[in-house]
Amino acid sequence: MSAPYSPQQLMACVLARAFRDGEVVVMGAVPALPLAACRLAKALHAPSLSYVVGGSGTVNPAPAGLLSQSCDPELRGGPVTLPLHEVVLLEGRGGALDVFCAGGLQIDASGNCNLVGVGDPARPKLRGPGSVGLPFLPAVGRTVIFTLAHNPRTFVERVDFVSGAGDTVALVVTPLATMEPDPGTRRLRLASVHPGVSADEVRARTGFELPVPEPVPETPPPTAAELAVLARLDPAGVLA
């Protein structure tokens, strides 16, 4: 039997496995999961991976723990810190960044993300932080979407506002499953269910029709080596 782990720890492992040696990854305002994933990947299989933590603009920071927001002063310890406008310019330049880790208030069947607001734009039910760098998603090599909320309010047929287009989405990671775009339609389909989760549960908690493969693959659980690295990177147990 594998050691116990949390859904967030599994998500960090899935994200890390998607990163390749030598790539440059950029993340946004909520960095705990992608920061853990980048550092996990560097420790185990991608030593030349580089990463930029959004709001701080810091390249390859190695804080003592995982942080909840990207402007935390502890993220200033990297070898280089870029002003935010330079990070955004890098995102839009094309060819400079390989992976964009994105999220959203809403994510739709085509992988589009919404960080502006939910509902009528004149009187939204919920306001978000704004699009910031998400309009440049099509300029990066590929987009990896992650969210801790897998429900019909988050996964909708069509987002109320397109902050970031889903053109380059390669992977979506949630506490229940992973999704990927169908090569023909570019609509999201189920790629794997996490251990203990059924395909029916994932479909019931997704607000659009989700194609399901047969048989349904199961996401490999964290290995002992992955959990050991995460324990070192996350001494306060943020992910656990």
C-alpha atoms as a PDB file:
ATOM      1  CA  MET A   1       0.000   0.000   0.000  1.00  0.00           C
ATOM      2  CA  SER A   2       1.187   3.518  -0.777  1.00  0.00           C
ATOM      3  CA  ALA A   3       1.731   6.076   1.949  1.00  0.00           C
ATOM      4  CA  PRO A   4      -1.232   8.373   2.698  1.00  0.00           C
ATOM      5  CA  TYR A   5      -1.386  11.583   0.709  1.00  0.00           C
ATOM      6  CA  SER A   6      -3.759  14.484   0.167  1.00  0.00           C
ATOM      7  CA  PRO A   7      -5.499  15.469  -3.095  1.00  0.00           C
ATOM      8  CA  GLN A   8      -3.275  18.560  -3.247  1.00  0.00           C
ATOM      9  CA  GLN A   9      -0.121  16.456  -2.930  1.00  0.00           C
ATOM     10  CA  LEU A  10      -1.329  14.220  -5.755  1.00  0.00           C
ATOM     11  CA  MET A  11      -2.085  17.298  -7.873  1.00  0.00           C
ATOM     12  CA  ALA A  12       1.429  18.639  -7.265  1.00  0.00           C
ATOM     13  CA  CYS A  13       2.873  15.312  -8.435  1.00  0.00           C
ATOM     14  CA  VAL A  14       0.699  15.271 -11.569  1.00  0.00           C
ATOM     15  CA  LEU A  15       1.770  18.818 -12.429  1.00  0.00           C
ATOM     16  CA  ALA A  16       5.440  18.005 -11.811  1.00  0.00           C
ATOM     17  CA  ARG A  17       5.289  14.981 -14.094  1.00  0.00           C
ATOM     18  CA  ALA A  18       4.047  17.248 -16.895  1.00  0.00           C
ATOM     19  CA  PHE A  19       7.149  19.476 -16.778  1.00  0.00           C
ATOM     20  CA  ARG A  20      10.234  18.631 -18.854  1.00  0.00           C
ATOM     21  CA  ASP A  21      13.893  19.316 -18.291  1.00  0.00           C
ATOM     22  CA  GLY A  22      15.030  22.655 -19.683  1.00  0.00           C
ATOM     23  CA  GLU A  23      11.561  24.202 -19.854  1.00  0.00           C
ATOM     24  CA  VAL A  24      10.543  27.595 -18.456  1.00  0.00           C
ATOM     25  CA  VAL A  25       7.317  27.644 -16.446  1.00  0.00           C
ATOM     26  CA  VAL A  26       5.371  30.733 -15.358  1.00  0.00           C
ATOM     27  CA  MET A  27       2.704  30.796 -12.653  1.00  0.00           C
ATOM     28  CA  GLY A  28       0.218  33.357 -11.365  1.00  0.00           C
ATOM     29  CA  ALA A  29      -1.031  34.844  -8.122  1.00  0.00           C
ATOM     30  CA  VAL A  30      -1.692  31.578  -6.241  1.00  0.00           C
ATOM     31  CA  PRO A  31       1.632  29.745  -6.463  1.00  0.00           C
ATOM     32  CA  ALA A  32       1.614  27.020  -3.799  1.00  0.00           C
ATOM     33  CA  LEU A  33       0.748  24.087  -6.085  1.00  0.00           C
ATOM     34  CA  PRO A  34       2.747  25.064  -9.194  1.00  0.00           C
ATOM     35  CA  LEU A  35       5.698  26.156  -7.042  1.00  0.00           C
ATOM     36  CA  ALA A  36       5.692  22.771  -5.311  1.00  0.00           C
ATOM     37  CA  ALA A  37       5.390  21.046  -8.689  1.00  0.00           C
ATOM     38  CA  CYS A  38       8.286  22.974 -10.243  1.00  0.00           C
ATOM     39  CA  ARG A  39      10.597  22.329  -7.320  1.00  0.00           C
ATOM     40  CA  LEU A  40       9.533  18.661  -7.228  1.00  0.00           C
ATOM     41  CA  ALA A  41      10.281  18.288 -10.929  1.00  0.00           C
ATOM     42  CA  LYS A  42      13.710  19.949 -10.519  1.00  0.00           C
ATOM     43  CA  ALA A  43      14.532  17.591  -7.661  1.00  0.00           C
ATOM     44  CA  LEU A  44      13.548  14.379  -9.426  1.00  0.00           C
ATOM     45  CA  HIS A  45      13.663  14.552 -13.227  1.00  0.00           C
ATOM     46  CA  ALA A  46      14.085  18.100 -14.585  1.00  0.00           C
ATOM     47  CA  PRO A  47      17.182  19.695 -12.988  1.00  0.00           C
ATOM     48  CA  SER A  48      17.393  22.410 -15.659  1.00  0.00           C
ATOM     49  CA  LEU A  49      13.752  23.500 -15.312  1.00  0.00           C
ATOM     50  CA  SER A  50      13.288  27.226 -14.651  1.00  0.00           C
ATOM     51  CA  TYR A  51      10.186  28.905 -13.235  1.00  0.00           C
ATOM     52  CA  VAL A  52       8.909  32.454 -12.749  1.00  0.00           C
ATOM     53  CA  VAL A  53       6.576  33.230  -9.848  1.00  0.00           C
ATOM     54  CA  GLY A  54       4.047  35.701 -11.276  1.00  0.00           C
ATOM     55  CA  GLY A  55       3.447  38.687  -9.015  1.00  0.00           C
ATOM     56  CA  SER A  56       6.901  38.652  -7.451  1.00  0.00           C
ATOM     57  CA  GLY A  57       8.655  38.228 -10.807  1.00  0.00           C
ATOM     58  CA  THR A  58      11.260  36.083  -9.072  1.00  0.00           C
ATOM     59  CA  VAL A  59      13.030  33.405 -11.100  1.00  0.00           C
ATOM     60  CA  ASN A  60      13.706  30.058  -9.382  1.00  0.00           C
ATOM     61  CA  PRO A  61      13.000  31.117  -5.785  1.00  0.00           C
ATOM     62  CA  ALA A  62      13.522  28.439  -3.127  1.00  0.00           C
ATOM     63  CA  PRO A  63      11.602  29.639  -0.052  1.00  0.00           C
ATOM     64  CA  ALA A  64      11.607  27.658   3.160  1.00  0.00           C
ATOM     65  CA  GLY A  65       7.986  26.640   2.577  1.00  0.00           C
ATOM     66  CA  LEU A  66       5.072  26.955   0.169  1.00  0.00           C
ATOM     67  CA  LEU A  67       3.411  30.352   0.011  1.00  0.00           C
ATOM     68  CA  SER A  68      -0.212  31.279  -0.614  1.00  0.00           C
ATOM     69  CA  GLN A  69       0.361  34.377  -2.758  1.00  0.00           C
ATOM     70  CA  SER A  70       2.953  35.324  -5.320  1.00  0.00           C
ATOM     71  CA  CYS A  71       3.971  38.679  -3.797  1.00  0.00           C
ATOM     72  CA  ASP A  72       5.110  37.199  -0.489  1.00  0.00           C
ATOM     73  CA  PRO A  73       8.442  38.781   0.566  1.00  0.00           C
ATOM     74  CA  GLU A  74       9.945  35.302   1.026  1.00  0.00           C
ATOM     75  CA  LEU A  75       9.873  34.890  -2.762  1.00  0.00           C
ATOM     76  CA  ARG A  76      12.520  37.566  -3.257  1.00  0.00           C
ATOM     77  CA  GLY A  77      15.387  35.157  -2.739  1.00  0.00           C
ATOM     78  CA  GLY A  78      15.778  33.939  -6.305  1.00  0.00           C
ATOM     79  CA  PRO A  79      18.790  34.740  -8.500  1.00  0.00           C
ATOM     80  CA  VAL A  80      16.798  37.247 -10.619  1.00  0.00           C
ATOM     81  CA  THR A  81      13.663  39.302  -9.980  1.00  0.00           C
ATOM     82  CA  LEU A  82      11.768  40.834 -12.912  1.00  0.00           C
ATOM     83  CA  PRO A  83       9.286  43.722 -12.685  1.00  0.00           C
ATOM     84  CA  LEU A  84       5.721  42.557 -13.258  1.00  0.00           C
ATOM     85  CA  HIS A  85       5.427  44.365 -16.594  1.00  0.00           C
ATOM     86  CA  GLU A  86       8.502  42.473 -17.857  1.00  0.00           C
ATOM     87  CA  VAL A  87       6.929  39.162 -16.821  1.00  0.00           C
ATOM     88  CA  VAL A  88       3.794  40.067 -18.780  1.00  0.00           C
ATOM     89  CA  LEU A  89       5.894  41.120 -21.791  1.00  0.00           C
ATOM     90  CA  LEU A  90       7.701  37.772 -21.681  1.00  0.00           C
ATOM     91  CA  GLU A  91       4.342  35.990 -21.644  1.00  0.00           C
ATOM     92  CA  GLY A  92       3.250  37.851 -24.760  1.00  0.00           C
ATOM     93  CA  ARG A  93       6.501  37.664 -26.694  1.00  0.00           C
ATOM     94  CA  GLY A  94       6.078  34.089 -27.859  1.00  0.00           C
ATOM     95  CA  GLY A  95       8.817  31.479 -27.625  1.00  0.00           C
ATOM     96  CA  ALA A  96      10.136  32.703 -24.261  1.00  0.00           C
ATOM     97  CA  LEU A  97       7.947  30.536 -22.027  1.00  0.00           C
ATOM     98  CA  ASP A  98       7.151  26.856 -22.414  1.00  0.00           C
ATOM     99  CA  VAL A  99       4.400  26.317 -19.835  1.00  0.00           C
ATOM    100  CA  PHE A 100       1.801  28.648 -18.310  1.00  0.00           C
ATOM    101  CA  CYS A 101       0.141  27.376 -15.109  1.00  0.00           C
ATOM    102  CA  ALA A 102      -3.321  28.941 -15.090  1.00  0.00           C
ATOM    103  CA  GLY A 103      -6.602  28.781 -13.201  1.00  0.00           C
ATOM    104  CA  GLY A 104      -9.914  30.602 -13.214  1.00  0.00           C
ATOM    105  CA  LEU A 105     -13.236  31.396 -11.608  1.00  0.00           C
ATOM    106  CA  GLN A 106     -14.657  29.453 -14.537  1.00  0.00           C
ATOM    107  CA  ILE A 107     -13.139  26.946 -16.961  1.00  0.00           C
ATOM    108  CA  ASP A 108     -15.163  25.829 -19.941  1.00  0.00           C
ATOM    109  CA  ALA A 109     -15.382  22.835 -22.244  1.00  0.00           C
ATOM    110  CA  SER A 110     -12.843  24.379 -24.624  1.00  0.00           C
ATOM    111  CA  GLY A 111     -10.296  25.133 -21.896  1.00  0.00           C
ATOM    112  CA  ASN A 112     -11.019  28.875 -21.816  1.00  0.00           C
ATOM    113  CA  CYS A 113     -10.449  30.541 -18.424  1.00  0.00           C
ATOM    114  CA  ASN A 114     -12.335  33.432 -16.786  1.00  0.00           C
ATOM    115  CA  LEU A 115     -10.701  35.557 -14.090  1.00  0.00           C
ATOM    116  CA  VAL A 116     -12.829  38.697 -14.552  1.00  0.00           C
ATOM    117  CA  GLY A 117     -16.289  37.972 -13.167  1.00  0.00           C
ATOM    118  CA  VAL A 118     -19.253  35.605 -13.120  1.00  0.00           C
ATOM    119  CA  GLY A 119     -22.661  36.678 -14.371  1.00  0.00           C
ATOM    120  CA  ASP A 120     -23.841  39.894 -16.021  1.00  0.00           C
ATOM    121  CA  PRO A 121     -20.754  42.084 -16.643  1.00  0.00           C
ATOM    122  CA  ALA A 122     -22.726  45.142 -15.474  1.00  0.00           C
ATOM    123  CA  ARG A 123     -23.659  43.498 -12.170  1.00  0.00           C
ATOM    124  CA  PRO A 124     -21.521  40.375 -11.718  1.00  0.00           C
ATOM    125  CA  LYS A 125     -22.332  37.835  -9.025  1.00  0.00           C
ATOM    126  CA  LEU A 126     -18.616  37.406  -8.369  1.00  0.00           C
ATOM    127  CA  ARG A 127     -15.652  39.569  -9.294  1.00  0.00           C
ATOM    128  CA  GLY A 128     -12.220  38.162  -9.996  1.00  0.00           C
ATOM    129  CA  PRO A 129      -8.766  39.738  -9.889  1.00  0.00           C
ATOM    130  CA  GLY A 130      -8.699  40.449 -13.638  1.00  0.00           C
ATOM    131  CA  SER A 131      -7.028  38.806 -16.592  1.00  0.00           C
ATOM    132  CA  VAL A 132      -3.418  40.065 -16.061  1.00  0.00           C
ATOM    133  CA  GLY A 133      -1.282  37.708 -18.209  1.00  0.00           C
ATOM    134  CA  LEU A 134      -3.967  35.215 -19.223  1.00  0.00           C
ATOM    135  CA  PRO A 135      -4.666  36.872 -22.619  1.00  0.00           C
ATOM    136  CA  PHE A 136      -1.195  35.663 -23.638  1.00  0.00           C
ATOM    137  CA  LEU A 137      -1.934  31.955 -23.095  1.00  0.00           C
ATOM    138  CA  PRO A 138      -1.891  31.257 -26.869  1.00  0.00           C
ATOM    139  CA  ALA A 139       1.685  32.633 -27.036  1.00  0.00           C
ATOM    140  CA  VAL A 140       3.193  29.982 -24.733  1.00  0.00           C
ATOM    141  CA  GLY A 141       4.093  26.453 -25.708  1.00  0.00           C
ATOM    142  CA  ARG A 142       1.323  24.872 -23.663  1.00  0.00           C
ATOM    143  CA  THR A 143      -1.030  25.689 -20.813  1.00  0.00           C
ATOM    144  CA  VAL A 144      -1.603  23.561 -17.716  1.00  0.00           C
ATOM    145  CA  ILE A 145      -4.781  24.440 -15.814  1.00  0.00           C
ATOM    146  CA  PHE A 146      -5.206  23.578 -12.155  1.00  0.00           C
ATOM    147  CA  THR A 147      -8.078  24.219  -9.753  1.00  0.00           C
ATOM    148  CA  LEU A 148      -9.036  23.024  -6.283  1.00  0.00           C
ATOM    149  CA  ALA A 149     -12.755  23.419  -7.092  1.00  0.00           C
ATOM    150  CA  HIS A 150     -14.265  20.681  -9.230  1.00  0.00           C
ATOM    151  CA  ASN A 151     -17.956  21.521  -9.467  1.00  0.00           C
ATOM    152  CA  PRO A 152     -20.507  22.705 -12.068  1.00  0.00           C
ATOM    153  CA  ARG A 153     -19.967  26.356 -11.083  1.00  0.00           C
ATOM    154  CA  THR A 154     -16.282  26.150 -12.022  1.00  0.00           C
ATOM    155  CA  PHE A 155     -16.514  23.795 -15.014  1.00  0.00           C
ATOM    156  CA  VAL A 156     -19.088  25.372 -17.319  1.00  0.00           C
ATOM    157  CA  GLU A 157     -20.073  24.901 -20.940  1.00  0.00           C
ATOM    158  CA  ARG A 158     -19.036  28.459 -21.804  1.00  0.00           C
ATOM    159  CA  VAL A 159     -17.234  31.006 -19.610  1.00  0.00           C
ATOM    160  CA  ASP A 160     -18.914  34.381 -19.020  1.00  0.00           C
ATOM    161  CA  PHE A 161     -15.702  36.170 -20.025  1.00  0.00           C
ATOM    162  CA  VAL A 162     -12.658  34.791 -21.842  1.00  0.00           C
ATOM    163  CA  SER A 163      -9.598  35.935 -19.892  1.00  0.00           C
ATOM    164  CA  GLY A 164      -7.394  33.289 -21.477  1.00  0.00           C
ATOM    165  CA  ALA A 165      -8.189  31.287 -24.598  1.00  0.00           C
ATOM    166  CA  GLY A 166      -7.815  27.526 -24.437  1.00  0.00           C
ATOM    167  CA  ASP A 167      -5.800  27.169 -27.654  1.00  0.00           C
ATOM    168  CA  THR A 168      -2.696  25.737 -25.966  1.00  0.00           C
ATOM    169  CA  VAL A 169      -4.299  23.856 -23.064  1.00  0.00           C
ATOM    170  CA  ALA A 170      -2.614  20.476 -22.734  1.00  0.00           C
ATOM    171  CA  LEU A 171      -3.711  19.318 -19.279  1.00  0.00           C
ATOM    172  CA  VAL A 172      -6.287  20.151 -16.593  1.00  0.00           C
ATOM    173  CA  VAL A 173      -5.683  18.908 -13.044  1.00  0.00           C
ATOM    174  CA  THR A 174      -8.338  18.905 -10.297  1.00  0.00           C
ATOM    175  CA  PRO A 175      -8.763  17.138  -6.929  1.00  0.00           C
ATOM    176  CA  LEU A 176     -10.821  14.461  -8.731  1.00  0.00           C
ATOM    177  CA  ALA A 177      -9.238  13.845 -12.107  1.00  0.00           C
ATOM    178  CA  THR A 178      -7.198  15.009 -15.064  1.00  0.00           C
ATOM    179  CA  MET A 179      -8.597  16.182 -18.381  1.00  0.00           C
ATOM    180  CA  GLU A 180      -7.059  16.764 -21.786  1.00  0.00           C
ATOM    181  CA  PRO A 181      -8.275  18.253 -25.085  1.00  0.00           C
ATOM    182  CA  ASP A 182      -9.581  15.940 -27.755  1.00  0.00           C
ATOM    183  CA  PRO A 183      -7.167  16.270 -30.728  1.00  0.00           C
ATOM    184  CA  GLY A 184     -10.047  16.641 -33.181  1.00  0.00           C
ATOM    185  CA  THR A 185     -12.562  18.861 -31.385  1.00  0.00           C
ATOM    186  CA  ARG A 186     -10.256  20.536 -28.805  1.00  0.00           C
ATOM    187  CA  ARG A 187     -13.029  20.018 -26.238  1.00  0.00           C
ATOM    188  CA  LEU A 188     -11.944  18.635 -22.890  1.00  0.00           C
ATOM    189  CA  ARG A 189     -12.287  14.930 -22.226  1.00  0.00           C
ATOM    190  CA  LEU A 190     -11.516  12.809 -19.174  1.00  0.00           C
ATOM    191  CA  ALA A 191      -7.900  11.598 -19.146  1.00  0.00           C
ATOM    192  CA  SER A 192      -7.738   9.841 -15.746  1.00  0.00           C
ATOM    193  CA  VAL A 193      -9.553   9.608 -12.430  1.00  0.00           C
ATOM    194  CA  HIS A 194      -7.647   9.871  -9.172  1.00  0.00           C
ATOM    195  CA  PRO A 195      -7.583   6.811  -6.888  1.00  0.00           C
ATOM    196  CA  GLY A 196     -10.927   6.319  -5.150  1.00  0.00           C
ATOM    197  CA  VAL A 197     -12.840   8.531  -7.606  1.00  0.00           C
ATOM    198  CA  SER A 198     -15.257   7.211 -10.241  1.00  0.00           C
ATOM    199  CA  ALA A 199     -15.853   8.560 -13.720  1.00  0.00           C
ATOM    200  CA  ASP A 200     -19.535   9.002 -12.850  1.00  0.00           C
ATOM    201  CA  GLU A 201     -18.596  11.285  -9.937  1.00  0.00           C
ATOM    202  CA  VAL A 202     -16.383  13.401 -12.178  1.00  0.00           C
ATOM    203  CA  ARG A 203     -19.093  13.724 -14.834  1.00  0.00           C
ATOM    204  CA  ALA A 204     -21.719  14.628 -12.217  1.00  0.00           C
ATOM    205  CA  ARG A 205     -19.502  17.430 -10.907  1.00  0.00           C
ATOM    206  CA  THR A 206     -18.649  18.832 -14.350  1.00  0.00           C
ATOM    207  CA  GLY A 207     -21.008  21.375 -15.907  1.00  0.00           C
ATOM    208  CA  PHE A 208     -20.507  20.209 -19.483  1.00  0.00           C
ATOM    209  CA  GLU A 209     -20.667  16.886 -21.291  1.00  0.00           C
ATOM    210  CA  LEU A 210     -17.360  15.139 -20.571  1.00  0.00           C
ATOM    211  CA  PRO A 211     -16.346  12.269 -22.876  1.00  0.00           C
ATOM    212  CA  VAL A 212     -14.998   9.299 -20.927  1.00  0.00           C
ATOM    213  CA  PRO A 213     -12.550   6.694 -22.278  1.00  0.00           C
ATOM    214  CA  GLU A 214     -13.127   2.981 -21.854  1.00  0.00           C
ATOM    215  CA  PRO A 215     -11.492   1.712 -19.753  1.00  0.00           C
ATOM    216  CA  VAL A 216     -10.894   4.762 -17.573  1.00  0.00           C
ATOM    217  CA  PRO A 217      -7.208   5.173 -16.607  1.00  0.00           C
ATOM    218  CA  GLU A 218      -6.354   5.806 -12.956  1.00  0.00           C
ATOM    219  CA  THR A 219      -3.902   8.550 -12.042  1.00  0.00           C
ATOM    220  CA  PRO A 220      -0.734   6.989 -10.592  1.00  0.00           C
ATOM    221  CA  PRO A 221      -0.506   7.889  -6.883  1.00  0.00           C
ATOM    222  CA  PRO A 222       2.513   9.749  -5.498  1.00  0.00           C
ATOM    223  CA  THR A 223       5.638   7.661  -5.150  1.00  0.00           C
ATOM    224  CA  ALA A 224       7.630   7.449  -1.936  1.00  0.00           C
ATOM    225  CA  ALA A 225      10.321   9.610  -3.540  1.00  0.00           C
ATOM    226  CA  GLU A 226       7.789  12.289  -4.558  1.00  0.00           C
ATOM    227  CA  LEU A 227       6.248  12.393  -1.081  1.00  0.00           C
ATOM    228  CA  ALA A 228       9.689  12.632   0.534  1.00  0.00           C
ATOM    229  CA  VAL A 229      10.588  15.660  -1.598  1.00  0.00           C
ATOM    230  CA  LEU A 230       7.211  17.303  -0.928  1.00  0.00           C
ATOM    231  CA  ALA A 231       7.697  16.839   2.811  1.00  0.00           C
ATOM    232  CA  ARG A 232      11.001  18.685   2.559  1.00  0.00           C
ATOM    233  CA  LEU A 233       9.565  21.484   0.401  1.00  0.00           C
ATOM    234  CA  ASP A 234       6.432  21.859   2.509  1.00  0.00           C
ATOM    235  CA  PRO A 235       7.417  21.597   6.183  1.00  0.00           C
ATOM    236  CA  ALA A 236       4.245  23.392   7.321  1.00  0.00           C
ATOM    237  CA  GLY A 237       2.049  20.871   5.512  1.00  0.00           C
ATOM    238  CA  VAL A 238       0.262  23.406   3.293  1.00  0.00           C
ATOM    239  CA  LEU A 239      -0.542  20.718   0.717  1.00  0.00           C
ATOM    240  CA  ALA A 240      -1.157  17.998   3.284  1.00  0.00           C
END
